[in-house]
Amino acid sequence: MATIPGVDNVETEDDYIHVRFRDPDRYDEIRTPDWAENPAESVSEGSEVRTGKVEGEDDWEVTSVLISKNVGEDKAEEQAREIVEKIES
């Protein structure tokens, strides 16, 4: 079973609260995959998951979760953790 990462940073942007779990600079490529929409939407409507691929590796990891700004930072962090647990467990 994968280790669920801790929250690295929570930042409110224009439309979303960006909950970062891993440093995006460590990834060769970052995407917002369609397959992650179902687990994300099951926790928080309108949320998005960004995944990253480390150069030379085949696996993709969740780098961050975007949660609608209206939920507030504390709730966004809680929902983002739940989404990551669903995806990485």
C-alpha atoms as a PDB file:
ATOM      1  CA  MET A   1       0.000   0.000   0.000  1.00  0.00           C
ATOM      2  CA  ALA A   2       1.275   3.462  -0.910  1.00  0.00           C
ATOM      3  CA  THR A   3       2.158   5.964   1.762  1.00  0.00           C
ATOM      4  CA  ILE A   4      -0.317   8.831   1.751  1.00  0.00           C
ATOM      5  CA  PRO A   5       1.665  12.093   1.644  1.00  0.00           C
ATOM      6  CA  GLY A   6       1.120  14.923   4.062  1.00  0.00           C
ATOM      7  CA  VAL A   7      -0.067  18.341   2.940  1.00  0.00           C
ATOM      8  CA  ASP A   8       2.872  20.484   1.833  1.00  0.00           C
ATOM      9  CA  ASN A   9       1.025  23.765   1.208  1.00  0.00           C
ATOM     10  CA  VAL A  10      -2.499  25.243   1.044  1.00  0.00           C
ATOM     11  CA  GLU A  11      -2.975  28.329  -1.081  1.00  0.00           C
ATOM     12  CA  THR A  12      -6.144  30.186  -2.093  1.00  0.00           C
ATOM     13  CA  GLU A  13      -6.180  31.223  -5.750  1.00  0.00           C
ATOM     14  CA  ASP A  14      -8.832  32.908  -7.936  1.00  0.00           C
ATOM     15  CA  ASP A  15     -11.358  30.061  -8.225  1.00  0.00           C
ATOM     16  CA  TYR A  16      -9.765  27.242  -6.245  1.00  0.00           C
ATOM     17  CA  ILE A  17      -7.935  26.374  -3.086  1.00  0.00           C
ATOM     18  CA  HIS A  18      -4.761  24.615  -4.197  1.00  0.00           C
ATOM     19  CA  VAL A  19      -3.782  21.857  -1.749  1.00  0.00           C
ATOM     20  CA  ARG A  20      -0.273  20.679  -2.589  1.00  0.00           C
ATOM     21  CA  PHE A  21       1.011  17.302  -1.425  1.00  0.00           C
ATOM     22  CA  ARG A  22       4.302  17.013  -3.314  1.00  0.00           C
ATOM     23  CA  ASP A  23       6.762  19.486  -4.841  1.00  0.00           C
ATOM     24  CA  PRO A  24       5.848  19.961  -8.529  1.00  0.00           C
ATOM     25  CA  ASP A  25       9.498  20.609  -9.420  1.00  0.00           C
ATOM     26  CA  ARG A  26      10.339  16.922  -8.937  1.00  0.00           C
ATOM     27  CA  TYR A  27       8.149  15.915 -11.891  1.00  0.00           C
ATOM     28  CA  ASP A  28       8.992  15.707 -15.558  1.00  0.00           C
ATOM     29  CA  GLU A  29       5.322  16.029 -16.534  1.00  0.00           C
ATOM     30  CA  ILE A  30       2.122  17.092 -14.721  1.00  0.00           C
ATOM     31  CA  ARG A  31      -1.421  16.298 -15.873  1.00  0.00           C
ATOM     32  CA  THR A  32      -5.038  16.587 -14.764  1.00  0.00           C
ATOM     33  CA  PRO A  33      -6.216  13.077 -15.703  1.00  0.00           C
ATOM     34  CA  ASP A  34      -9.829  12.303 -16.608  1.00  0.00           C
ATOM     35  CA  TRP A  35      -9.798   9.090 -14.541  1.00  0.00           C
ATOM     36  CA  ALA A  36      -9.262  11.091 -11.336  1.00  0.00           C
ATOM     37  CA  GLU A  37     -12.504  13.006 -11.833  1.00  0.00           C
ATOM     38  CA  ASN A  38     -14.710  10.309 -10.266  1.00  0.00           C
ATOM     39  CA  PRO A  39     -12.877   9.957  -6.934  1.00  0.00           C
ATOM     40  CA  ALA A  40     -12.451  13.739  -6.744  1.00  0.00           C
ATOM     41  CA  GLU A  41     -16.087  14.548  -7.520  1.00  0.00           C
ATOM     42  CA  SER A  42     -17.280  11.891  -5.049  1.00  0.00           C
ATOM     43  CA  VAL A  43     -15.700  13.952  -2.250  1.00  0.00           C
ATOM     44  CA  SER A  44     -15.966  17.552  -3.462  1.00  0.00           C
ATOM     45  CA  GLU A  45     -17.980  18.770  -6.441  1.00  0.00           C
ATOM     46  CA  GLY A  46     -15.866  20.654  -8.984  1.00  0.00           C
ATOM     47  CA  SER A  47     -12.524  19.475  -7.594  1.00  0.00           C
ATOM     48  CA  GLU A  48      -9.579  18.492  -9.795  1.00  0.00           C
ATOM     49  CA  VAL A  49      -6.569  16.271  -9.215  1.00  0.00           C
ATOM     50  CA  ARG A  50      -3.144  16.946 -10.676  1.00  0.00           C
ATOM     51  CA  THR A  51      -0.716  14.081 -11.063  1.00  0.00           C
ATOM     52  CA  GLY A  52       2.991  14.080 -11.812  1.00  0.00           C
ATOM     53  CA  LYS A  53       5.401  11.608 -13.404  1.00  0.00           C
ATOM     54  CA  VAL A  54       8.982  11.434 -12.190  1.00  0.00           C
ATOM     55  CA  GLU A  55      11.435  11.277 -15.090  1.00  0.00           C
ATOM     56  CA  GLY A  56      12.525   7.708 -15.790  1.00  0.00           C
ATOM     57  CA  GLU A  57       9.664   6.131 -13.819  1.00  0.00           C
ATOM     58  CA  ASP A  58       6.348   4.698 -14.981  1.00  0.00           C
ATOM     59  CA  ASP A  59       4.207   5.624 -11.991  1.00  0.00           C
ATOM     60  CA  TRP A  60       2.185   8.805 -11.592  1.00  0.00           C
ATOM     61  CA  GLU A  61       1.636  10.401  -8.159  1.00  0.00           C
ATOM     62  CA  VAL A  62      -0.901  12.930  -6.951  1.00  0.00           C
ATOM     63  CA  THR A  63       0.891  16.265  -6.721  1.00  0.00           C
ATOM     64  CA  SER A  64      -2.043  18.458  -5.719  1.00  0.00           C
ATOM     65  CA  VAL A  65      -5.811  18.799  -5.499  1.00  0.00           C
ATOM     66  CA  LEU A  66      -7.832  21.861  -6.464  1.00  0.00           C
ATOM     67  CA  ILE A  67     -10.975  22.400  -4.373  1.00  0.00           C
ATOM     68  CA  SER A  68     -13.669  25.027  -4.978  1.00  0.00           C
ATOM     69  CA  LYS A  69     -12.794  28.226  -3.131  1.00  0.00           C
ATOM     70  CA  ASN A  70     -16.190  28.468  -1.402  1.00  0.00           C
ATOM     71  CA  VAL A  71     -15.469  25.569   1.001  1.00  0.00           C
ATOM     72  CA  GLY A  72     -12.674  27.398   2.867  1.00  0.00           C
ATOM     73  CA  GLU A  73      -9.074  26.339   3.440  1.00  0.00           C
ATOM     74  CA  ASP A  74      -9.623  24.010   6.424  1.00  0.00           C
ATOM     75  CA  LYS A  75     -12.404  22.048   4.711  1.00  0.00           C
ATOM     76  CA  ALA A  76     -10.449  22.052   1.418  1.00  0.00           C
ATOM     77  CA  GLU A  77      -7.446  20.463   3.126  1.00  0.00           C
ATOM     78  CA  GLU A  78      -9.667  17.801   4.707  1.00  0.00           C
ATOM     79  CA  GLN A  79     -11.403  17.032   1.388  1.00  0.00           C
ATOM     80  CA  ALA A  80      -8.108  16.942  -0.518  1.00  0.00           C
ATOM     81  CA  ARG A  81      -6.689  14.393   1.953  1.00  0.00           C
ATOM     82  CA  GLU A  82      -9.782  12.228   1.484  1.00  0.00           C
ATOM     83  CA  ILE A  83      -9.422  12.374  -2.322  1.00  0.00           C
ATOM     84  CA  VAL A  84      -5.736  11.411  -2.166  1.00  0.00           C
ATOM     85  CA  GLU A  85      -6.546   8.509   0.175  1.00  0.00           C
ATOM     86  CA  LYS A  86      -9.135   7.216  -2.302  1.00  0.00           C
ATOM     87  CA  ILE A  87      -6.677   7.397  -5.202  1.00  0.00           C
ATOM     88  CA  GLU A  88      -3.482   6.184  -3.555  1.00  0.00           C
ATOM     89  CA  SER A  89      -4.750   3.521  -1.171  1.00  0.00           C
END
